[in-house]
PDB file of all heavy atoms in Angstrom:
ATOM      1  N   ARG A   1      57.120 -21.051 -94.456  1.00  0.00           N
ATOM      2  CA  ARG A   1      57.331 -22.495 -94.812  1.00  0.00           C
ATOM      3  C   ARG A   1      58.118 -22.584 -96.158  1.00  0.00           C
ATOM      4  O   ARG A   1      58.711 -23.715 -96.335  1.00  0.00           O
ATOM      5  CB  ARG A   1      55.981 -23.329 -94.843  1.00  0.00           C
ATOM      6  CG  ARG A   1      55.022 -22.799 -96.054  1.00  0.00           C
ATOM      7  CD  ARG A   1      53.917 -23.849 -96.236  1.00  0.00           C
ATOM      8  NE  ARG A   1      52.920 -23.342 -97.041  1.00  0.00           N
ATOM      9  CZ  ARG A   1      51.737 -22.747 -96.643  1.00  0.00           C
ATOM     10  NH1 ARG A   1      51.447 -22.747 -95.307  1.00  0.00           N
ATOM     11  NH2 ARG A   1      50.773 -22.261 -97.380  1.00  0.00           N
ATOM     12  N   ASP A   2      58.181 -21.569 -96.902  1.00  0.00           N
ATOM     13  CA  ASP A   2      59.005 -21.668 -98.153  1.00  0.00           C
ATOM     14  C   ASP A   2      60.462 -21.794 -97.860  1.00  0.00           C
ATOM     15  O   ASP A   2      61.172 -22.302 -98.774  1.00  0.00           O
ATOM     16  CB  ASP A   2      58.850 -20.396 -99.054  1.00  0.00           C
ATOM     17  CG  ASP A   2      57.448 -20.228 -99.486  1.00  0.00           C
ATOM     18  OD1 ASP A   2      56.704 -21.197 -99.549  1.00  0.00           O
ATOM     19  OD2 ASP A   2      57.041 -19.129 -99.977  1.00  0.00           O
ATOM     20  N   TYR A   3      60.922 -21.424 -96.593  1.00  0.00           N
ATOM     21  CA  TYR A   3      62.260 -21.562 -96.257  1.00  0.00           C
ATOM     22  C   TYR A   3      62.499 -22.584 -95.273  1.00  0.00           C
ATOM     23  O   TYR A   3      63.713 -22.928 -95.128  1.00  0.00           O
ATOM     24  CB  TYR A   3      62.673 -20.219 -95.662  1.00  0.00           C
ATOM     25  CG  TYR A   3      62.639 -18.917 -96.617  1.00  0.00           C
ATOM     26  CD1 TYR A   3      61.985 -17.830 -96.281  1.00  0.00           C
ATOM     27  CD2 TYR A   3      63.348 -19.065 -97.788  1.00  0.00           C
ATOM     28  CE1 TYR A   3      61.764 -16.832 -97.134  1.00  0.00           C
ATOM     29  CE2 TYR A   3      63.205 -17.915 -98.650  1.00  0.00           C
ATOM     30  CZ  TYR A   3      62.369 -16.838 -98.386  1.00  0.00           C
ATOM     31  OH  TYR A   3      62.425 -15.830 -99.168  1.00  0.00           O
ATOM     32  N   LEU A   4      61.639 -23.223 -94.600  1.00  0.00           N
ATOM     33  CA  LEU A   4      61.855 -24.237 -93.764  1.00  0.00           C
ATOM     34  C   LEU A   4      62.435 -25.525 -94.424  1.00  0.00           C
ATOM     35  O   LEU A   4      61.973 -25.934 -95.294  1.00  0.00           O
ATOM     36  CB  LEU A   4      60.430 -24.697 -92.944  1.00  0.00           C
ATOM     37  CG  LEU A   4      59.941 -23.638 -92.122  1.00  0.00           C
ATOM     38  CD1 LEU A   4      58.555 -24.198 -91.609  1.00  0.00           C
ATOM     39  CD2 LEU A   4      60.748 -23.361 -90.754  1.00  0.00           C
ATOM     40  N   GLY A   5      63.592 -25.862 -93.812  1.00  0.00           N
ATOM     41  CA  GLY A   5      64.421 -26.984 -94.479  1.00  0.00           C
ATOM     42  C   GLY A   5      65.116 -26.659 -95.704  1.00  0.00           C
ATOM     43  O   GLY A   5      65.724 -27.498 -96.341  1.00  0.00           O
ATOM     44  N   GLN A   6      65.028 -25.450 -96.148  1.00  0.00           N
ATOM     45  CA  GLN A   6      65.705 -25.029 -97.427  1.00  0.00           C
ATOM     46  C   GLN A   6      66.857 -24.125 -97.227  1.00  0.00           C
ATOM     47  O   GLN A   6      67.835 -24.095 -98.051  1.00  0.00           O
ATOM     48  CB  GLN A   6      64.619 -24.293 -98.261  1.00  0.00           C
ATOM     49  CG  GLN A   6      63.310 -25.178 -98.559  1.00  0.00           C
ATOM     50  CD  GLN A   6      63.662 -26.374 -99.222  1.00  0.00           C
ATOM     51  OE1 GLN A   6      64.508 -26.516-100.214  1.00  0.00           O
ATOM     52  NE2 GLN A   6      63.029 -27.521 -98.840  1.00  0.00           N
ATOM     53  N   VAL A   7      66.811 -23.095 -96.258  1.00  0.00           N
ATOM     54  CA  VAL A   7      67.827 -22.191 -96.131  1.00  0.00           C
ATOM     55  C   VAL A   7      68.316 -22.113 -94.579  1.00  0.00           C
ATOM     56  O   VAL A   7      67.476 -22.004 -93.703  1.00  0.00           O
ATOM     57  CB  VAL A   7      67.258 -20.707 -96.485  1.00  0.00           C
ATOM     58  CG1 VAL A   7      68.512 -19.697 -96.314  1.00  0.00           C
ATOM     59  CG2 VAL A   7      66.754 -20.819 -97.944  1.00  0.00           C
ATOM     60  N   ASN A   8      69.656 -22.075 -94.403  1.00  0.00           N
ATOM     61  CA  ASN A   8      70.159 -21.860 -93.109  1.00  0.00           C
ATOM     62  C   ASN A   8      70.448 -20.369 -92.958  1.00  0.00           C
ATOM     63  O   ASN A   8      71.267 -19.838 -93.555  1.00  0.00           O
ATOM     64  CB  ASN A   8      71.445 -22.707 -92.895  1.00  0.00           C
ATOM     65  CG  ASN A   8      71.149 -24.200 -92.953  1.00  0.00           C
ATOM     66  OD1 ASN A   8      70.254 -24.684 -92.396  1.00  0.00           O
ATOM     67  ND2 ASN A   8      72.218 -24.942 -93.541  1.00  0.00           N
ATOM     68  N   PHE A   9      69.780 -19.776 -91.986  1.00  0.00           N
ATOM     69  CA  PHE A   9      69.974 -18.373 -91.718  1.00  0.00           C
ATOM     70  C   PHE A   9      70.877 -18.037 -90.548  1.00  0.00           C
ATOM     71  O   PHE A   9      70.913 -18.703 -89.682  1.00  0.00           O
ATOM     72  CB  PHE A   9      68.672 -17.722 -91.465  1.00  0.00           C
ATOM     73  CG  PHE A   9      67.548 -17.738 -92.559  1.00  0.00           C
ATOM     74  CD1 PHE A   9      66.537 -18.644 -92.582  1.00  0.00           C
ATOM     75  CD2 PHE A   9      67.751 -16.852 -93.586  1.00  0.00           C
ATOM     76  CE1 PHE A   9      65.561 -18.637 -93.647  1.00  0.00           C
ATOM     77  CE2 PHE A   9      66.828 -16.833 -94.699  1.00  0.00           C
ATOM     78  CZ  PHE A   9      65.682 -17.772 -94.678  1.00  0.00           C
ATOM     79  N   GLY A  10      71.735 -16.972 -90.805  1.00  0.00           N
ATOM     80  CA  GLY A  10      72.568 -16.678 -89.806  1.00  0.00           C
ATOM     81  C   GLY A  10      71.889 -15.799 -88.808  1.00  0.00           C
ATOM     82  O   GLY A  10      72.117 -15.799 -87.547  1.00  0.00           O
ATOM     83  N   TYR A  11      70.850 -14.974 -89.218  1.00  0.00           N
ATOM     84  CA  TYR A  11      70.064 -14.138 -88.395  1.00  0.00           C
ATOM     85  C   TYR A  11      68.530 -14.287 -88.680  1.00  0.00           C
ATOM     86  O   TYR A  11      68.274 -14.312 -89.892  1.00  0.00           O
ATOM     87  CB  TYR A  11      70.532 -12.678 -88.545  1.00  0.00           C
ATOM     88  CG  TYR A  11      71.892 -12.376 -88.008  1.00  0.00           C
ATOM     89  CD1 TYR A  11      72.862 -12.443 -88.959  1.00  0.00           C
ATOM     90  CD2 TYR A  11      72.142 -11.979 -86.736  1.00  0.00           C
ATOM     91  CE1 TYR A  11      74.161 -12.154 -88.570  1.00  0.00           C
ATOM     92  CE2 TYR A  11      73.441 -11.756 -86.314  1.00  0.00           C
ATOM     93  CZ  TYR A  11      74.436 -11.779 -87.131  1.00  0.00           C
ATOM     94  OH  TYR A  11      75.668 -11.470 -86.819  1.00  0.00           O
ATOM     95  N   ILE A  12      67.749 -14.385 -87.727  1.00  0.00           N
ATOM     96  CA  ILE A  12      66.217 -14.363 -87.836  1.00  0.00           C
ATOM     97  C   ILE A  12      65.815 -13.102 -87.104  1.00  0.00           C
ATOM     98  O   ILE A  12      65.933 -13.156 -85.791  1.00  0.00           O
ATOM     99  CB  ILE A  12      65.545 -15.702 -87.450  1.00  0.00           C
ATOM    100  CG1 ILE A  12      66.107 -16.810 -88.445  1.00  0.00           C
ATOM    101  CG2 ILE A  12      64.045 -15.493 -87.597  1.00  0.00           C
ATOM    102  CD1 ILE A  12      65.541 -18.116 -88.057  1.00  0.00           C
ATOM    103  N   ILE A  13      65.199 -12.163 -87.752  1.00  0.00           N
ATOM    104  CA  ILE A  13      64.799 -10.992 -86.966  1.00  0.00           C
ATOM    105  C   ILE A  13      63.302 -10.831 -87.126  1.00  0.00           C
ATOM    106  O   ILE A  13      62.818 -10.587 -88.297  1.00  0.00           O
ATOM    107  CB  ILE A  13      65.582  -9.727 -87.518  1.00  0.00           C
ATOM    108  CG1 ILE A  13      67.106  -9.922 -87.459  1.00  0.00           C
ATOM    109  CG2 ILE A  13      65.170  -8.603 -86.858  1.00  0.00           C
ATOM    110  CD1 ILE A  13      67.853  -8.855 -88.089  1.00  0.00           C
ATOM    111  N   THR A  14      62.569 -10.955 -85.981  1.00  0.00           N
ATOM    112  CA  THR A  14      61.128 -10.600 -86.100  1.00  0.00           C
ATOM    113  C   THR A  14      60.949  -9.142 -85.895  1.00  0.00           C
ATOM    114  O   THR A  14      61.551  -8.544 -85.054  1.00  0.00           O
ATOM    115  CB  THR A  14      60.458 -11.420 -85.042  1.00  0.00           C
ATOM    116  OG1 THR A  14      61.030 -11.187 -83.757  1.00  0.00           O
ATOM    117  CG2 THR A  14      60.491 -12.961 -85.245  1.00  0.00           C
ATOM    118  N   VAL A  15      60.045  -8.615 -86.642  1.00  0.00           N
ATOM    119  CA  VAL A  15      59.683  -7.216 -86.638  1.00  0.00           C
ATOM    120  C   VAL A  15      58.330  -6.905 -86.255  1.00  0.00           C
ATOM    121  O   VAL A  15      57.855  -5.796 -86.320  1.00  0.00           O
ATOM    122  CB  VAL A  15      60.074  -6.495 -88.072  1.00  0.00           C
ATOM    123  CG1 VAL A  15      61.537  -6.620 -88.257  1.00  0.00           C
ATOM    124  CG2 VAL A  15      59.267  -7.196 -89.171  1.00  0.00           C
ATOM    125  N   CYS A  16      57.649  -7.999 -85.736  1.00  0.00           N
ATOM    126  CA  CYS A  16      56.318  -7.654 -85.066  1.00  0.00           C
ATOM    127  C   CYS A  16      56.042  -8.596 -83.975  1.00  0.00           C
ATOM    128  O   CYS A  16      56.614  -9.586 -83.911  1.00  0.00           O
ATOM    129  CB  CYS A  16      55.217  -7.765 -86.105  1.00  0.00           C
ATOM    130  SG  CYS A  16      54.578  -9.487 -86.495  1.00  0.00           S
ATOM    131  N   ASP A  17      55.300  -8.220 -82.929  1.00  0.00           N
ATOM    132  CA  ASP A  17      55.118  -8.971 -81.780  1.00  0.00           C
ATOM    133  C   ASP A  17      54.394 -10.196 -82.022  1.00  0.00           C
ATOM    134  O   ASP A  17      54.664 -11.260 -81.425  1.00  0.00           O
ATOM    135  CB  ASP A  17      54.376  -8.124 -80.753  1.00  0.00           C
ATOM    136  CG  ASP A  17      55.274  -6.859 -80.167  1.00  0.00           C
ATOM    137  OD1 ASP A  17      56.429  -7.019 -80.343  1.00  0.00           O
ATOM    138  OD2 ASP A  17      54.611  -5.897 -79.879  1.00  0.00           O
ATOM    139  N   HIS A  18      53.409 -10.208 -82.998  1.00  0.00           N
ATOM    140  CA  HIS A  18      52.641 -11.547 -83.275  1.00  0.00           C
ATOM    141  C   HIS A  18      53.535 -12.602 -83.823  1.00  0.00           C
ATOM    142  O   HIS A  18      53.482 -13.687 -83.508  1.00  0.00           O
ATOM    143  CB  HIS A  18      51.617 -11.161 -84.306  1.00  0.00           C
ATOM    144  CG  HIS A  18      50.792 -12.267 -84.625  1.00  0.00           C
ATOM    145  ND1 HIS A  18      51.038 -13.117 -85.854  1.00  0.00           N
ATOM    146  CD2 HIS A  18      49.846 -13.014 -84.060  1.00  0.00           C
ATOM    147  CE1 HIS A  18      50.163 -14.002 -85.807  1.00  0.00           C
ATOM    148  NE2 HIS A  18      49.444 -14.074 -84.812  1.00  0.00           N
ATOM    149  N   ALA A  19      54.579 -12.156 -84.774  1.00  0.00           N
ATOM    150  CA  ALA A  19      55.497 -13.242 -85.345  1.00  0.00           C
ATOM    151  C   ALA A  19      56.373 -13.715 -84.233  1.00  0.00           C
ATOM    152  O   ALA A  19      56.685 -14.934 -84.129  1.00  0.00           O
ATOM    153  CB  ALA A  19      56.180 -12.596 -86.392  1.00  0.00           C
ATOM    154  N   GLU A  20      56.759 -12.917 -83.360  1.00  0.00           N
ATOM    155  CA  GLU A  20      57.629 -13.251 -82.222  1.00  0.00           C
ATOM    156  C   GLU A  20      56.951 -14.293 -81.352  1.00  0.00           C
ATOM    157  O   GLU A  20      57.678 -15.248 -80.860  1.00  0.00           O
ATOM    158  CB  GLU A  20      58.036 -12.077 -81.413  1.00  0.00           C
ATOM    159  CG  GLU A  20      58.854 -12.265 -80.185  1.00  0.00           C
ATOM    160  CD  GLU A  20      60.301 -12.802 -80.534  1.00  0.00           C
ATOM    161  OE1 GLU A  20      60.772 -12.741 -81.646  1.00  0.00           O
ATOM    162  OE2 GLU A  20      60.894 -13.223 -79.445  1.00  0.00           O
ATOM    163  N   ALA A  21      55.738 -14.100 -81.144  1.00  0.00           N
ATOM    164  CA  ALA A  21      54.952 -14.997 -80.163  1.00  0.00           C
ATOM    165  C   ALA A  21      54.587 -16.222 -80.808  1.00  0.00           C
ATOM    166  O   ALA A  21      54.422 -17.277 -80.253  1.00  0.00           O
ATOM    167  CB  ALA A  21      53.785 -14.194 -79.563  1.00  0.00           C
ATOM    168  N   SER A  22      54.221 -16.236 -82.152  1.00  0.00           N
ATOM    169  CA  SER A  22      53.664 -17.310 -82.848  1.00  0.00           C
ATOM    170  C   SER A  22      54.619 -18.083 -83.641  1.00  0.00           C
ATOM    171  O   SER A  22      54.302 -19.364 -84.014  1.00  0.00           O
ATOM    172  CB  SER A  22      52.669 -16.889 -83.921  1.00  0.00           C
ATOM    173  OG  SER A  22      51.635 -16.051 -83.129  1.00  0.00           O
ATOM    174  N   CYS A  23      55.809 -17.656 -84.045  1.00  0.00           N
ATOM    175  CA  CYS A  23      56.652 -18.484 -84.731  1.00  0.00           C
ATOM    176  C   CYS A  23      57.313 -19.605 -83.930  1.00  0.00           C
ATOM    177  O   CYS A  23      57.528 -19.442 -82.712  1.00  0.00           O
ATOM    178  CB  CYS A  23      57.902 -17.677 -85.189  1.00  0.00           C
ATOM    179  SG  CYS A  23      59.121 -18.494 -86.383  1.00  0.00           S
ATOM    180  N   PRO A  24      57.418 -20.808 -84.478  1.00  0.00           N
ATOM    181  CA  PRO A  24      58.032 -21.903 -83.692  1.00  0.00           C
ATOM    182  C   PRO A  24      59.257 -21.538 -83.062  1.00  0.00           C
ATOM    183  O   PRO A  24      60.244 -21.228 -83.619  1.00  0.00           O
ATOM    184  CB  PRO A  24      58.086 -23.055 -84.725  1.00  0.00           C
ATOM    185  CG  PRO A  24      57.245 -22.753 -85.833  1.00  0.00           C
ATOM    186  CD  PRO A  24      57.088 -21.175 -85.847  1.00  0.00           C
ATOM    187  N   ALA A  25      59.366 -21.765 -81.704  1.00  0.00           N
ATOM    188  CA  ALA A  25      60.576 -21.384 -81.068  1.00  0.00           C
ATOM    189  C   ALA A  25      61.800 -22.064 -81.472  1.00  0.00           C
ATOM    190  O   ALA A  25      62.873 -21.568 -81.518  1.00  0.00           O
ATOM    191  CB  ALA A  25      60.429 -21.644 -79.430  1.00  0.00           C
ATOM    192  N   VAL A  26      61.692 -23.361 -81.941  1.00  0.00           N
ATOM    193  CA  VAL A  26      62.802 -24.106 -82.368  1.00  0.00           C
ATOM    194  C   VAL A  26      63.257 -23.536 -83.689  1.00  0.00           C
ATOM    195  O   VAL A  26      64.509 -23.588 -83.854  1.00  0.00           O
ATOM    196  CB  VAL A  26      62.404 -25.578 -82.584  1.00  0.00           C
ATOM    197  CG1 VAL A  26      61.460 -25.741 -83.707  1.00  0.00           C
ATOM    198  CG2 VAL A  26      63.605 -26.373 -82.858  1.00  0.00           C
ATOM    199  N   PHE A  27      62.591 -22.888 -84.501  1.00  0.00           N
ATOM    200  CA  PHE A  27      63.016 -22.213 -85.670  1.00  0.00           C
ATOM    201  C   PHE A  27      63.779 -21.016 -85.274  1.00  0.00           C
ATOM    202  O   PHE A  27      64.836 -20.719 -85.822  1.00  0.00           O
ATOM    203  CB  PHE A  27      61.839 -21.808 -86.600  1.00  0.00           C
ATOM    204  CG  PHE A  27      62.308 -21.261 -87.869  1.00  0.00           C
ATOM    205  CD1 PHE A  27      63.038 -21.969 -88.773  1.00  0.00           C
ATOM    206  CD2 PHE A  27      62.011 -19.992 -88.017  1.00  0.00           C
ATOM    207  CE1 PHE A  27      63.512 -21.281 -90.014  1.00  0.00           C
ATOM    208  CE2 PHE A  27      62.468 -19.263 -89.344  1.00  0.00           C
ATOM    209  CZ  PHE A  27      63.124 -19.988 -90.271  1.00  0.00           C
ATOM    210  N   LEU A  28      63.209 -20.238 -84.360  1.00  0.00           N
ATOM    211  CA  LEU A  28      63.905 -18.877 -83.921  1.00  0.00           C
ATOM    212  C   LEU A  28      65.325 -19.277 -83.249  1.00  0.00           C
ATOM    213  O   LEU A  28      66.311 -18.626 -83.491  1.00  0.00           O
ATOM    214  CB  LEU A  28      63.076 -18.137 -82.945  1.00  0.00           C
ATOM    215  CG  LEU A  28      61.704 -17.665 -83.497  1.00  0.00           C
ATOM    216  CD1 LEU A  28      61.002 -16.950 -82.465  1.00  0.00           C
ATOM    217  CD2 LEU A  28      61.978 -16.820 -84.662  1.00  0.00           C
ATOM    218  N   ARG A  29      65.343 -20.406 -82.514  1.00  0.00           N
ATOM    219  CA  ARG A  29      66.526 -20.765 -81.890  1.00  0.00           C
ATOM    220  C   ARG A  29      67.647 -21.303 -82.819  1.00  0.00           C
ATOM    221  O   ARG A  29      68.681 -21.500 -82.513  1.00  0.00           O
ATOM    222  CB  ARG A  29      66.262 -21.840 -80.808  1.00  0.00           C
ATOM    223  CG  ARG A  29      65.517 -21.421 -79.585  1.00  0.00           C
ATOM    224  CD  ARG A  29      65.659 -22.293 -78.457  1.00  0.00           C
ATOM    225  NE  ARG A  29      65.062 -23.663 -78.768  1.00  0.00           N
ATOM    226  CZ  ARG A  29      63.910 -23.982 -78.544  1.00  0.00           C
ATOM    227  NH1 ARG A  29      63.093 -23.164 -77.954  1.00  0.00           N
ATOM    228  NH2 ARG A  29      63.436 -25.231 -78.775  1.00  0.00           N
ATOM    229  N   SER A  30      67.227 -21.647 -84.142  1.00  0.00           N
ATOM    230  CA  SER A  30      68.147 -22.279 -85.120  1.00  0.00           C
ATOM    231  C   SER A  30      69.129 -21.219 -85.567  1.00  0.00           C
ATOM    232  O   SER A  30      70.197 -21.654 -86.247  1.00  0.00           O
ATOM    233  CB  SER A  30      67.440 -22.756 -86.278  1.00  0.00           C
ATOM    234  OG  SER A  30      66.761 -21.764 -86.959  1.00  0.00           O
ATOM    235  N   SER A  31      69.022 -19.940 -85.324  1.00  0.00           N
ATOM    236  CA  SER A  31      69.987 -18.933 -85.750  1.00  0.00           C
ATOM    237  C   SER A  31      70.128 -17.844 -84.700  1.00  0.00           C
ATOM    238  O   SER A  31      69.453 -17.984 -83.491  1.00  0.00           O
ATOM    239  CB  SER A  31      69.406 -18.270 -87.017  1.00  0.00           C
ATOM    240  OG  SER A  31      68.970 -19.274 -87.943  1.00  0.00           O
TER     241      SER A  31
END
């Protein structure tokens, strides 16, 4: 949440399965 609404990422790379499944899909689709 420190980055939500603050930084536009060119790439978002999840490095664990839990983060991949639990992170809001709309955030992952933003980059």
